[in-house]
C-alpha atoms as a PDB file:
ATOM      1  CA  MET A   1     -63.336 -29.704 -17.425  1.00  0.00           C
ATOM      2  CA  THR A   2     -62.802 -31.588 -20.663  1.00  0.00           C
ATOM      3  CA  GLU A   3     -62.214 -35.305 -20.980  1.00  0.00           C
ATOM      4  CA  ASN A   4     -58.681 -34.571 -22.191  1.00  0.00           C
ATOM      5  CA  SER A   5     -57.837 -32.438 -19.135  1.00  0.00           C
ATOM      6  CA  VAL A   6     -59.069 -35.190 -16.819  1.00  0.00           C
ATOM      7  CA  SER A   7     -56.736 -37.738 -18.434  1.00  0.00           C
ATOM      8  CA  MET A   8     -53.758 -35.376 -18.196  1.00  0.00           C
ATOM      9  CA  LEU A   9     -54.230 -34.841 -14.450  1.00  0.00           C
ATOM     10  CA  GLN A  10     -54.441 -38.097 -12.495  1.00  0.00           C
ATOM     11  CA  ARG A  11     -55.338 -37.775  -8.822  1.00  0.00           C
ATOM     12  CA  ALA A  12     -55.611 -41.401  -7.694  1.00  0.00           C
ATOM     13  CA  ILE A  13     -52.300 -43.249  -7.508  1.00  0.00           C
ATOM     14  CA  THR A  14     -50.929 -46.146  -5.474  1.00  0.00           C
ATOM     15  CA  ARG A  15     -48.083 -44.972  -3.263  1.00  0.00           C
ATOM     16  CA  VAL A  16     -45.156 -46.863  -1.823  1.00  0.00           C
ATOM     17  CA  ASP A  17     -45.914 -47.905   1.755  1.00  0.00           C
ATOM     18  CA  ALA A  18     -45.204 -45.225   4.372  1.00  0.00           C
ATOM     19  CA  GLU A  19     -43.253 -47.638   6.592  1.00  0.00           C
ATOM     20  CA  GLN A  20     -41.053 -48.552   3.621  1.00  0.00           C
ATOM     21  CA  VAL A  21     -40.397 -44.851   3.021  1.00  0.00           C
ATOM     22  CA  LYS A  22     -39.321 -44.473   6.646  1.00  0.00           C
ATOM     23  CA  ARG A  23     -36.950 -47.432   6.410  1.00  0.00           C
ATOM     24  CA  ALA A  24     -35.520 -46.338   3.070  1.00  0.00           C
ATOM     25  CA  ALA A  25     -34.753 -42.888   4.430  1.00  0.00           C
ATOM     26  CA  GLU A  26     -32.191 -44.509   6.734  1.00  0.00           C
ATOM     27  CA  PHE A  27     -29.996 -45.500   3.748  1.00  0.00           C
ATOM     28  CA  GLN A  28     -27.801 -43.431   1.480  1.00  0.00           C
ATOM     29  CA  ALA A  29     -29.018 -43.035  -2.072  1.00  0.00           C
ATOM     30  CA  ALA A  30     -25.784 -44.762  -3.130  1.00  0.00           C
ATOM     31  CA  ILE A  31     -26.604 -47.939  -1.188  1.00  0.00           C
ATOM     32  CA  LEU A  32     -30.071 -48.111  -2.717  1.00  0.00           C
ATOM     33  CA  ALA A  33     -28.738 -47.423  -6.208  1.00  0.00           C
ATOM     34  CA  ASP A  34     -26.275 -50.301  -5.912  1.00  0.00           C
ATOM     35  CA  VAL A  35     -28.804 -52.881  -4.751  1.00  0.00           C
ATOM     36  CA  ALA A  36     -31.206 -51.747  -7.492  1.00  0.00           C
ATOM     37  CA  GLY A  37     -28.668 -52.891 -10.058  1.00  0.00           C
ATOM     38  CA  ARG A  38     -27.186 -49.419 -10.605  1.00  0.00           C
ATOM     39  CA  ARG A  39     -30.381 -48.438 -12.376  1.00  0.00           C
ATOM     40  CA  GLY A  40     -32.820 -45.682 -11.577  1.00  0.00           C
ATOM     41  CA  THR A  41     -30.374 -42.922 -10.756  1.00  0.00           C
ATOM     42  CA  LEU A  42     -31.082 -39.477 -12.154  1.00  0.00           C
ATOM     43  CA  HIS A  43     -28.332 -37.800 -14.152  1.00  0.00           C
ATOM     44  CA  GLY A  44     -25.773 -36.106 -11.927  1.00  0.00           C
ATOM     45  CA  ARG A  45     -26.870 -32.692 -13.141  1.00  0.00           C
ATOM     46  CA  VAL A  46     -29.808 -32.943 -10.722  1.00  0.00           C
ATOM     47  CA  LYS A  47     -28.345 -31.859  -7.382  1.00  0.00           C
ATOM     48  CA  PRO A  48     -29.572 -30.606  -4.009  1.00  0.00           C
ATOM     49  CA  LEU A  49     -29.301 -26.863  -3.501  1.00  0.00           C
ATOM     50  CA  ALA A  50     -27.578 -27.611  -0.179  1.00  0.00           C
ATOM     51  CA  ALA A  51     -25.506 -30.683   0.601  1.00  0.00           C
ATOM     52  CA  SER A  52     -27.475 -31.277   3.792  1.00  0.00           C
ATOM     53  CA  MET A  53     -30.762 -31.753   1.933  1.00  0.00           C
ATOM     54  CA  LYS A  54     -32.317 -35.214   2.030  1.00  0.00           C
ATOM     55  CA  VAL A  55     -35.668 -36.405   0.763  1.00  0.00           C
ATOM     56  CA  ALA A  56     -37.660 -39.639   0.721  1.00  0.00           C
ATOM     57  CA  GLY A  57     -41.210 -40.288  -0.381  1.00  0.00           C
ATOM     58  CA  PRO A  58     -43.597 -41.469  -3.104  1.00  0.00           C
ATOM     59  CA  ALA A  59     -43.337 -39.749  -6.462  1.00  0.00           C
ATOM     60  CA  ILE A  60     -45.880 -37.314  -7.813  1.00  0.00           C
ATOM     61  CA  THR A  61     -44.727 -37.179 -11.419  1.00  0.00           C
ATOM     62  CA  VAL A  62     -44.986 -34.059 -13.557  1.00  0.00           C
ATOM     63  CA  GLU A  63     -44.176 -33.436 -17.198  1.00  0.00           C
ATOM     64  CA  VAL A  64     -43.959 -29.847 -18.421  1.00  0.00           C
ATOM     65  CA  ARG A  65     -43.113 -28.049 -21.591  1.00  0.00           C
ATOM     66  CA  PRO A  66     -39.727 -26.307 -21.163  1.00  0.00           C
ATOM     67  CA  GLY A  67     -40.138 -22.991 -19.347  1.00  0.00           C
ATOM     68  CA  ASP A  68     -43.748 -23.524 -18.219  1.00  0.00           C
ATOM     69  CA  ASN A  69     -44.778 -24.550 -14.697  1.00  0.00           C
ATOM     70  CA  LEU A  70     -48.592 -24.751 -14.909  1.00  0.00           C
ATOM     71  CA  ALA A  71     -48.565 -28.518 -14.313  1.00  0.00           C
ATOM     72  CA  ILE A  72     -46.314 -28.086 -11.255  1.00  0.00           C
ATOM     73  CA  HIS A  73     -48.935 -25.805  -9.713  1.00  0.00           C
ATOM     74  CA  ALA A  74     -51.509 -28.523 -10.365  1.00  0.00           C
ATOM     75  CA  ALA A  75     -49.266 -31.103  -8.696  1.00  0.00           C
ATOM     76  CA  LEU A  76     -48.861 -28.856  -5.649  1.00  0.00           C
ATOM     77  CA  ALA A  77     -52.642 -28.677  -5.381  1.00  0.00           C
ATOM     78  CA  ILE A  78     -53.223 -32.435  -5.371  1.00  0.00           C
ATOM     79  CA  ALA A  79     -50.098 -33.799  -3.671  1.00  0.00           C
ATOM     80  CA  GLN A  80     -50.469 -35.292  -0.212  1.00  0.00           C
ATOM     81  CA  PRO A  81     -48.191 -34.771   2.801  1.00  0.00           C
ATOM     82  CA  GLY A  82     -45.028 -36.817   2.393  1.00  0.00           C
ATOM     83  CA  ASP A  83     -45.122 -36.869  -1.414  1.00  0.00           C
ATOM     84  CA  VAL A  84     -42.121 -35.880  -3.527  1.00  0.00           C
ATOM     85  CA  ILE A  85     -42.889 -33.864  -6.652  1.00  0.00           C
ATOM     86  CA  VAL A  86     -40.617 -35.011  -9.473  1.00  0.00           C
ATOM     87  CA  VAL A  87     -40.595 -32.849 -12.595  1.00  0.00           C
ATOM     88  CA  ASP A  88     -39.502 -33.769 -16.091  1.00  0.00           C
ATOM     89  CA  GLY A  89     -38.358 -30.303 -17.167  1.00  0.00           C
ATOM     90  CA  LYS A  90     -36.446 -31.727 -20.156  1.00  0.00           C
ATOM     91  CA  GLY A  91     -33.177 -30.479 -18.655  1.00  0.00           C
ATOM     92  CA  ASP A  92     -34.035 -26.989 -19.890  1.00  0.00           C
ATOM     93  CA  LEU A  93     -32.273 -24.186 -18.018  1.00  0.00           C
ATOM     94  CA  SER A  94     -33.651 -21.200 -19.923  1.00  0.00           C
ATOM     95  CA  CYS A  95     -36.290 -20.395 -17.253  1.00  0.00           C
ATOM     96  CA  ALA A  96     -36.718 -21.307 -13.594  1.00  0.00           C
ATOM     97  CA  LEU A  97     -39.672 -23.572 -12.894  1.00  0.00           C
ATOM     98  CA  ILE A  98     -39.973 -22.832  -9.163  1.00  0.00           C
ATOM     99  CA  GLY A  99     -38.661 -20.340  -6.648  1.00  0.00           C
ATOM    100  CA  GLU A 100     -39.114 -19.363  -3.031  1.00  0.00           C
ATOM    101  CA  ILE A 101     -42.894 -18.881  -3.183  1.00  0.00           C
ATOM    102  CA  MET A 102     -43.674 -22.307  -4.630  1.00  0.00           C
ATOM    103  CA  SER A 103     -41.199 -24.086  -2.379  1.00  0.00           C
ATOM    104  CA  THR A 104     -42.693 -22.332   0.650  1.00  0.00           C
ATOM    105  CA  GLN A 105     -46.155 -23.410  -0.475  1.00  0.00           C
ATOM    106  CA  ALA A 106     -44.983 -26.996  -0.883  1.00  0.00           C
ATOM    107  CA  HIS A 107     -43.335 -27.014   2.529  1.00  0.00           C
ATOM    108  CA  ALA A 108     -46.473 -25.626   4.181  1.00  0.00           C
ATOM    109  CA  ALA A 109     -48.546 -28.360   2.518  1.00  0.00           C
ATOM    110  CA  GLY A 110     -46.343 -31.076   4.006  1.00  0.00           C
ATOM    111  CA  ILE A 111     -44.769 -32.113   0.714  1.00  0.00           C
ATOM    112  CA  ALA A 112     -41.447 -33.856   1.362  1.00  0.00           C
ATOM    113  CA  GLY A 113     -39.463 -32.204  -1.437  1.00  0.00           C
ATOM    114  CA  ILE A 114     -39.261 -31.162  -5.084  1.00  0.00           C
ATOM    115  CA  ILE A 115     -36.930 -32.615  -7.706  1.00  0.00           C
ATOM    116  CA  ILE A 116     -36.678 -30.857 -11.066  1.00  0.00           C
ATOM    117  CA  ASP A 117     -34.715 -31.715 -14.188  1.00  0.00           C
ATOM    118  CA  GLY A 118     -34.667 -28.030 -14.980  1.00  0.00           C
ATOM    119  CA  ALA A 119     -33.808 -24.690 -13.415  1.00  0.00           C
ATOM    120  CA  VAL A 120     -34.936 -22.991 -10.212  1.00  0.00           C
ATOM    121  CA  ARG A 121     -34.373 -19.509  -8.815  1.00  0.00           C
ATOM    122  CA  ASP A 122     -34.181 -17.747  -5.436  1.00  0.00           C
ATOM    123  CA  SER A 123     -31.414 -20.257  -4.828  1.00  0.00           C
ATOM    124  CA  ASP A 124     -29.903 -18.500  -1.820  1.00  0.00           C
ATOM    125  CA  ALA A 125     -33.191 -18.586   0.071  1.00  0.00           C
ATOM    126  CA  LEU A 126     -33.893 -22.171  -0.995  1.00  0.00           C
ATOM    127  CA  ALA A 127     -30.415 -23.371  -0.008  1.00  0.00           C
ATOM    128  CA  GLN A 128     -30.762 -21.884   3.465  1.00  0.00           C
ATOM    129  CA  GLY A 129     -34.253 -23.256   4.027  1.00  0.00           C
ATOM    130  CA  ASP A 130     -35.484 -26.537   5.487  1.00  0.00           C
ATOM    131  CA  PHE A 131     -37.283 -27.713   2.353  1.00  0.00           C
ATOM    132  CA  PRO A 132     -35.351 -30.088   0.049  1.00  0.00           C
ATOM    133  CA  VAL A 133     -35.047 -28.849  -3.544  1.00  0.00           C
ATOM    134  CA  PHE A 134     -33.019 -30.686  -6.171  1.00  0.00           C
ATOM    135  CA  ALA A 135     -32.465 -29.101  -9.592  1.00  0.00           C
ATOM    136  CA  ALA A 136     -30.334 -29.240 -12.710  1.00  0.00           C
ATOM    137  CA  GLY A 137     -29.373 -25.564 -12.572  1.00  0.00           C
ATOM    138  CA  LEU A 138     -30.314 -21.974 -11.873  1.00  0.00           C
ATOM    139  CA  ASN A 139     -31.842 -19.131 -13.857  1.00  0.00           C
ATOM    140  CA  PRO A 140     -33.417 -15.862 -12.689  1.00  0.00           C
ATOM    141  CA  CYS A 141     -35.912 -15.870 -15.574  1.00  0.00           C
ATOM    142  CA  GLY A 142     -39.424 -16.796 -14.471  1.00  0.00           C
ATOM    143  CA  PRO A 143     -41.685 -19.352 -16.190  1.00  0.00           C
ATOM    144  CA  THR A 144     -44.937 -19.048 -18.059  1.00  0.00           C
ATOM    145  CA  LYS A 145     -48.099 -20.636 -16.683  1.00  0.00           C
ATOM    146  CA  SER A 146     -50.140 -21.341 -19.776  1.00  0.00           C
ATOM    147  CA  ILE A 147     -49.129 -24.640 -21.394  1.00  0.00           C
ATOM    148  CA  ALA A 148     -50.757 -27.945 -20.503  1.00  0.00           C
ATOM    149  CA  GLY A 149     -48.573 -30.580 -18.898  1.00  0.00           C
ATOM    150  CA  ARG A 150     -49.248 -33.963 -17.323  1.00  0.00           C
ATOM    151  CA  VAL A 151     -49.444 -35.014 -13.680  1.00  0.00           C
ATOM    152  CA  ASN A 152     -49.103 -38.583 -12.399  1.00  0.00           C
ATOM    153  CA  HIS A 153     -48.244 -40.215 -15.682  1.00  0.00           C
ATOM    154  CA  PRO A 154     -45.110 -42.299 -16.323  1.00  0.00           C
ATOM    155  CA  VAL A 155     -42.156 -39.999 -16.970  1.00  0.00           C
ATOM    156  CA  SER A 156     -38.475 -40.102 -17.771  1.00  0.00           C
ATOM    157  CA  VAL A 157     -36.616 -37.639 -15.551  1.00  0.00           C
ATOM    158  CA  ALA A 158     -32.905 -37.083 -16.202  1.00  0.00           C
ATOM    159  CA  GLY A 159     -32.592 -40.568 -17.677  1.00  0.00           C
ATOM    160  CA  ALA A 160     -34.615 -42.440 -15.035  1.00  0.00           C
ATOM    161  CA  ALA A 161     -38.019 -44.003 -15.670  1.00  0.00           C
ATOM    162  CA  ILE A 162     -40.462 -43.095 -12.890  1.00  0.00           C
ATOM    163  CA  GLN A 163     -44.002 -44.260 -12.246  1.00  0.00           C
ATOM    164  CA  PRO A 164     -46.369 -42.346  -9.959  1.00  0.00           C
ATOM    165  CA  GLY A 165     -46.020 -43.679  -6.425  1.00  0.00           C
ATOM    166  CA  ASP A 166     -42.485 -45.035  -6.876  1.00  0.00           C
ATOM    167  CA  LEU A 167     -40.024 -44.426  -4.053  1.00  0.00           C
ATOM    168  CA  ILE A 168     -37.749 -41.395  -4.439  1.00  0.00           C
ATOM    169  CA  ILE A 169     -34.595 -41.033  -2.338  1.00  0.00           C
ATOM    170  CA  GLY A 170     -32.304 -38.012  -2.615  1.00  0.00           C
ATOM    171  CA  ASP A 171     -29.242 -36.821  -0.714  1.00  0.00           C
ATOM    172  CA  ALA A 172     -25.926 -35.071  -1.330  1.00  0.00           C
ATOM    173  CA  ASP A 173     -24.949 -37.652  -3.970  1.00  0.00           C
ATOM    174  CA  GLY A 174     -28.103 -37.206  -6.051  1.00  0.00           C
ATOM    175  CA  VAL A 175     -31.412 -38.970  -6.600  1.00  0.00           C
ATOM    176  CA  VAL A 176     -32.460 -42.590  -7.087  1.00  0.00           C
ATOM    177  CA  VAL A 177     -35.905 -44.038  -7.839  1.00  0.00           C
ATOM    178  CA  LEU A 178     -36.992 -47.512  -6.729  1.00  0.00           C
ATOM    179  CA  PRO A 179     -39.994 -49.160  -8.398  1.00  0.00           C
ATOM    180  CA  ARG A 180     -42.788 -49.359  -5.842  1.00  0.00           C
ATOM    181  CA  GLU A 181     -43.306 -53.113  -6.161  1.00  0.00           C
ATOM    182  CA  GLU A 182     -39.575 -53.824  -5.642  1.00  0.00           C
ATOM    183  CA  VAL A 183     -38.999 -51.686  -2.549  1.00  0.00           C
ATOM    184  CA  ALA A 184     -39.548 -54.384   0.087  1.00  0.00           C
ATOM    185  CA  ALA A 185     -36.986 -56.739  -1.446  1.00  0.00           C
ATOM    186  CA  LEU A 186     -34.498 -53.946  -2.110  1.00  0.00           C
ATOM    187  CA  LEU A 187     -34.608 -52.784   1.501  1.00  0.00           C
ATOM    188  CA  VAL A 188     -33.502 -56.242   2.620  1.00  0.00           C
ATOM    189  CA  LEU A 189     -30.599 -56.121   0.165  1.00  0.00           C
ATOM    190  CA  ALA A 190     -29.749 -52.577   1.237  1.00  0.00           C
ATOM    191  CA  GLN A 191     -29.343 -53.648   4.865  1.00  0.00           C
ATOM    192  CA  GLN A 192     -27.163 -56.573   3.820  1.00  0.00           C
ATOM    193  CA  LYS A 193     -24.981 -54.292   1.704  1.00  0.00           C
ATOM    194  CA  LEU A 194     -24.673 -51.696   4.452  1.00  0.00           C
ATOM    195  CA  ASP A 195     -23.660 -54.384   6.949  1.00  0.00           C
ATOM    196  CA  GLY A 196     -21.049 -55.683   4.503  1.00  0.00           C
ATOM    197  CA  GLU A 197     -19.648 -52.230   3.840  1.00  0.00           C
ATOM    198  CA  ASN A 198     -19.388 -51.539   7.557  1.00  0.00           C
ATOM    199  CA  ARG A 199     -17.464 -54.789   8.042  1.00  0.00           C
ATOM    200  CA  ARG A 200     -15.097 -53.846   5.209  1.00  0.00           C
ATOM    201  CA  LEU A 201     -14.494 -50.377   6.634  1.00  0.00           C
ATOM    202  CA  GLN A 202     -13.683 -51.908   9.998  1.00  0.00           C
ATOM    203  CA  ALA A 203     -11.264 -54.352   8.369  1.00  0.00           C
ATOM    204  CA  ILE A 204      -9.503 -51.495   6.546  1.00  0.00           C
ATOM    205  CA  ARG A 205      -9.093 -49.593   9.800  1.00  0.00           C
ATOM    206  CA  GLN A 206      -7.552 -52.726  11.308  1.00  0.00           C
ATOM    207  CA  GLY A 207      -4.961 -52.969   8.536  1.00  0.00           C
ATOM    208  CA  ASP A 208      -6.621 -55.170   5.893  1.00  0.00           C
ATOM    209  CA  ILE A 209      -6.002 -52.625   3.142  1.00  0.00           C
ATOM    210  CA  ARG A 210      -6.303 -54.511  -0.132  1.00  0.00           C
ATOM    211  CA  ALA A 211      -9.751 -55.354  -1.505  1.00  0.00           C
ATOM    212  CA  PRO A 212     -10.216 -59.146  -1.136  1.00  0.00           C
ATOM    213  CA  TRP A 213     -11.826 -59.493  -4.570  1.00  0.00           C
ATOM    214  CA  LEU A 214      -9.176 -57.551  -6.526  1.00  0.00           C
ATOM    215  CA  GLU A 215      -6.822 -60.277  -7.764  1.00  0.00           C
ATOM    216  CA  ALA A 216      -9.675 -62.503  -8.991  1.00  0.00           C
ATOM    217  CA  ALA A 217     -11.191 -59.577 -10.853  1.00  0.00           C
ATOM    218  CA  LEU A 218      -7.839 -58.697 -12.435  1.00  0.00           C
ATOM    219  CA  ARG A 219      -7.393 -62.295 -13.633  1.00  0.00           C
ATOM    220  CA  ALA A 220     -10.918 -62.361 -15.049  1.00  0.00           C
ATOM    221  CA  ALA A 221     -10.172 -59.160 -16.946  1.00  0.00           C
ATOM    222  CA  GLY A 222      -6.859 -60.514 -18.280  1.00  0.00           C
ATOM    223  CA  MET A 223      -4.701 -58.101 -16.287  1.00  0.00           C
ATOM    224  CA  LEU A 224      -3.062 -60.889 -14.260  1.00  0.00           C
ATOM    225  CA  GLU A 225      -2.009 -64.358 -15.406  1.00  0.00           C
ATOM    226  CA  ASN A 226      -3.204 -67.439 -13.535  1.00  0.00           C
ATOM    227  CA  GLY A 227      -0.971 -67.897 -10.536  1.00  0.00           C
ATOM    228  CA  GLU A 228       0.375 -64.322 -10.780  1.00  0.00           C
ATOM    229  CA  THR A 229      -0.139 -62.080  -7.775  1.00  0.00           C
ATOM    230  CA  LEU A 230       0.135 -58.371  -7.157  1.00  0.00           C
END
């Protein structure tokens, strides 16, 4: 193995704490995205193959050349149970980067899920399975396995910056990444936000229809004059 190949494939990373992953999995991706300042969400093109799919875990980051999945195979070989493989496929949809065989391998290895800014195939089988797969699209064309990529380096996936070991949360709405060192504080904020949203939903059901902040926001935006009401 050359010095260059060693640097392109990093095995040792610091992962988000397992207890934090468990707690984060209790929240919607939308709640976590809001408390993270509406940053860290992947572009909406990256979607679960079935609406019921959910995933939470530390990121194993992968960068590939469009249409080649060699580095994904390397990531599958070194990932630990509970990890989420997150692939910067450049949004390319000309060739699928994984299919049923690789997803079955990942599931058997205990990997929590795969997220790809690129295409996948065997979508019917993947959508009906228990293993979470998120992708930007579909294509029956298979990939090559010959071009070097990088594993566990910082990546930008569908507009989101991701470091190895960061927390990945995905559900029917899409995918959000939380920086590992910020997770503890964000989980506190997430619970506060969820509690507040539940109180607001209860108030709406009891007849308090109008958002309490609306008139102040309209005045601040110049849509209502001071003293004017809706």
